[in-house]
Amino acid sequence: MTSPRDGRERLLAILVAGVAVVLLVSSVTWFASDRAVVGVAQLFLAVVLAGVAASLYRRAQRR
């Protein structure tokens, strides 16, 4: 049986994953405008957020 908290964690994981995807896709713009440092930072943040999203999603599935 799932609790309301599981649903919230799953939704939060999906939201964080969506933000990670947007950061990943939009980082191309920074590389194209010769601001590679910002692009690399954005890619790093996207990878970190994807890891957080995966962790939250797995945590919601275990309960």
N, C-alpha and C. Protein backbone atom coordinates (compact mmCIF):
# COMPACT_ATOMS: atom_id res chain seq x y z
N MET A 1 0.83 -1.18 0.00
CA MET A 1 0.00 0.00 0.00
C MET A 1 0.88 1.24 0.00
N THR A 2 0.54 2.19 -0.83
CA THR A 2 1.34 3.41 -0.91
C THR A 2 0.73 4.50 -0.05
N SER A 3 1.59 5.27 0.56
CA SER A 3 1.13 6.39 1.38
C SER A 3 1.18 7.67 0.55
N PRO A 4 0.50 8.71 1.00
CA PRO A 4 0.57 10.00 0.28
C PRO A 4 1.98 10.54 0.18
N ARG A 5 2.81 10.20 1.17
CA ARG A 5 4.20 10.67 1.12
C ARG A 5 4.94 10.06 -0.06
N ASP A 6 4.68 8.79 -0.38
CA ASP A 6 5.31 8.15 -1.52
C ASP A 6 4.96 8.88 -2.81
N GLY A 7 3.71 9.30 -2.92
CA GLY A 7 3.28 10.03 -4.10
C GLY A 7 3.98 11.37 -4.23
N ARG A 8 4.15 12.04 -3.09
CA ARG A 8 4.84 13.32 -3.11
C ARG A 8 6.30 13.15 -3.47
N GLU A 9 6.95 12.12 -2.94
CA GLU A 9 8.36 11.88 -3.27
C GLU A 9 8.52 11.55 -4.75
N ARG A 10 7.59 10.77 -5.28
CA ARG A 10 7.65 10.42 -6.70
C ARG A 10 7.45 11.66 -7.57
N LEU A 11 6.51 12.51 -7.19
CA LEU A 11 6.29 13.74 -7.95
C LEU A 11 7.48 14.69 -7.85
N LEU A 12 8.07 14.78 -6.67
CA LEU A 12 9.26 15.61 -6.50
C LEU A 12 10.41 15.07 -7.35
N ALA A 13 10.55 13.76 -7.40
CA ALA A 13 11.60 13.16 -8.23
C ALA A 13 11.39 13.48 -9.70
N ILE A 14 10.15 13.44 -10.15
CA ILE A 14 9.85 13.76 -11.55
C ILE A 14 10.13 15.24 -11.82
N LEU A 15 9.78 16.11 -10.89
CA LEU A 15 10.05 17.54 -11.05
C LEU A 15 11.55 17.81 -11.14
N VAL A 16 12.32 17.22 -10.24
CA VAL A 16 13.77 17.43 -10.24
C VAL A 16 14.39 16.85 -11.51
N ALA A 17 13.88 15.71 -11.97
CA ALA A 17 14.38 15.14 -13.22
C ALA A 17 14.06 16.06 -14.40
N GLY A 18 12.90 16.67 -14.39
CA GLY A 18 12.54 17.61 -15.45
C GLY A 18 13.46 18.82 -15.47
N VAL A 19 13.78 19.33 -14.31
CA VAL A 19 14.71 20.47 -14.23
C VAL A 19 16.09 20.05 -14.75
N ALA A 20 16.50 18.84 -14.41
CA ALA A 20 17.80 18.35 -14.89
C ALA A 20 17.81 18.24 -16.42
N VAL A 21 16.72 17.78 -17.00
CA VAL A 21 16.65 17.65 -18.46
C VAL A 21 16.70 19.04 -19.11
N VAL A 22 15.98 19.99 -18.55
CA VAL A 22 15.99 21.35 -19.10
C VAL A 22 17.40 21.94 -19.03
N LEU A 23 18.07 21.75 -17.92
CA LEU A 23 19.44 22.25 -17.79
C LEU A 23 20.36 21.57 -18.79
N LEU A 24 20.19 20.29 -18.97
CA LEU A 24 21.02 19.53 -19.91
C LEU A 24 20.82 20.02 -21.33
N VAL A 25 19.58 20.18 -21.73
CA VAL A 25 19.29 20.60 -23.10
C VAL A 25 19.72 22.04 -23.34
N SER A 26 19.50 22.91 -22.36
CA SER A 26 19.82 24.32 -22.57
C SER A 26 21.31 24.62 -22.43
N SER A 27 22.09 23.68 -21.93
CA SER A 27 23.53 23.93 -21.80
C SER A 27 24.19 24.10 -23.16
N VAL A 28 23.60 23.54 -24.20
CA VAL A 28 24.14 23.68 -25.54
C VAL A 28 24.23 25.16 -25.93
N THR A 29 23.27 25.95 -25.49
CA THR A 29 23.25 27.38 -25.80
C THR A 29 24.50 28.07 -25.26
N TRP A 30 24.93 27.69 -24.07
CA TRP A 30 26.11 28.33 -23.48
C TRP A 30 27.36 27.97 -24.25
N PHE A 31 27.46 26.73 -24.70
CA PHE A 31 28.63 26.34 -25.48
C PHE A 31 28.64 27.06 -26.83
N ALA A 32 27.48 27.26 -27.42
CA ALA A 32 27.39 27.94 -28.71
C ALA A 32 27.74 29.42 -28.59
N SER A 33 27.51 30.02 -27.43
CA SER A 33 27.81 31.45 -27.27
C SER A 33 29.18 31.68 -26.63
N ASP A 34 30.04 30.69 -26.73
CA ASP A 34 31.42 30.78 -26.23
C ASP A 34 31.51 31.06 -24.73
N ARG A 35 30.58 30.52 -23.99
CA ARG A 35 30.65 30.59 -22.52
C ARG A 35 30.69 29.17 -21.98
N ALA A 36 31.78 28.51 -22.27
CA ALA A 36 31.93 27.10 -21.94
C ALA A 36 31.90 26.85 -20.44
N VAL A 37 32.40 27.79 -19.65
CA VAL A 37 32.42 27.61 -18.20
C VAL A 37 31.00 27.48 -17.66
N VAL A 38 30.11 28.34 -18.13
CA VAL A 38 28.72 28.27 -17.70
C VAL A 38 28.09 26.97 -18.18
N GLY A 39 28.41 26.56 -19.40
CA GLY A 39 27.88 25.30 -19.93
C GLY A 39 28.32 24.10 -19.12
N VAL A 40 29.59 24.08 -18.74
CA VAL A 40 30.10 22.97 -17.93
C VAL A 40 29.44 22.96 -16.55
N ALA A 41 29.29 24.14 -15.95
CA ALA A 41 28.63 24.23 -14.65
C ALA A 41 27.19 23.75 -14.74
N GLN A 42 26.53 24.11 -15.83
CA GLN A 42 25.14 23.69 -16.01
C GLN A 42 25.05 22.18 -16.21
N LEU A 43 25.98 21.61 -16.96
CA LEU A 43 26.01 20.16 -17.14
C LEU A 43 26.25 19.45 -15.81
N PHE A 44 27.17 19.98 -15.03
CA PHE A 44 27.45 19.39 -13.71
C PHE A 44 26.21 19.41 -12.83
N LEU A 45 25.53 20.55 -12.80
CA LEU A 45 24.32 20.66 -11.99
C LEU A 45 23.23 19.72 -12.49
N ALA A 46 23.13 19.55 -13.80
CA ALA A 46 22.14 18.63 -14.37
C ALA A 46 22.42 17.19 -13.94
N VAL A 47 23.68 16.81 -13.92
CA VAL A 47 24.04 15.45 -13.49
C VAL A 47 23.74 15.25 -12.01
N VAL A 48 24.04 16.26 -11.19
CA VAL A 48 23.76 16.17 -9.75
C VAL A 48 22.26 16.05 -9.52
N LEU A 49 21.47 16.88 -10.20
CA LEU A 49 20.02 16.82 -10.03
C LEU A 49 19.44 15.52 -10.53
N ALA A 50 20.00 14.96 -11.59
CA ALA A 50 19.53 13.66 -12.08
C ALA A 50 19.80 12.58 -11.03
N GLY A 51 20.94 12.66 -10.36
CA GLY A 51 21.23 11.71 -9.29
C GLY A 51 20.28 11.85 -8.11
N VAL A 52 19.97 13.09 -7.76
CA VAL A 52 19.01 13.33 -6.68
C VAL A 52 17.63 12.80 -7.06
N ALA A 53 17.23 13.03 -8.30
CA ALA A 53 15.93 12.54 -8.76
C ALA A 53 15.87 11.01 -8.73
N ALA A 54 16.94 10.37 -9.17
CA ALA A 54 16.97 8.90 -9.14
C ALA A 54 16.90 8.38 -7.71
N SER A 55 17.61 9.04 -6.82
CA SER A 55 17.59 8.64 -5.42
C SER A 55 16.20 8.80 -4.81
N LEU A 56 15.55 9.92 -5.08
CA LEU A 56 14.20 10.14 -4.56
C LEU A 56 13.21 9.13 -5.12
N TYR A 57 13.34 8.84 -6.41
CA TYR A 57 12.42 7.90 -7.04
C TYR A 57 12.60 6.49 -6.46
N ARG A 58 13.85 6.07 -6.29
CA ARG A 58 14.09 4.75 -5.69
C ARG A 58 13.59 4.69 -4.25
N ARG A 59 13.78 5.78 -3.52
CA ARG A 59 13.31 5.82 -2.12
C ARG A 59 11.79 5.70 -2.06
N ALA A 60 11.10 6.34 -3.01
CA ALA A 60 9.64 6.26 -3.03
C ALA A 60 9.18 4.86 -3.41
N GLN A 61 9.94 4.17 -4.24
CA GLN A 61 9.56 2.82 -4.66
C GLN A 61 9.75 1.80 -3.56
N ARG A 62 10.75 2.02 -2.69
CA ARG A 62 11.05 1.06 -1.63
C ARG A 62 10.02 1.02 -0.54
N ARG A 63 9.33 2.11 -0.33
CA ARG A 63 8.37 2.19 0.77
C ARG A 63 7.09 1.52 0.46
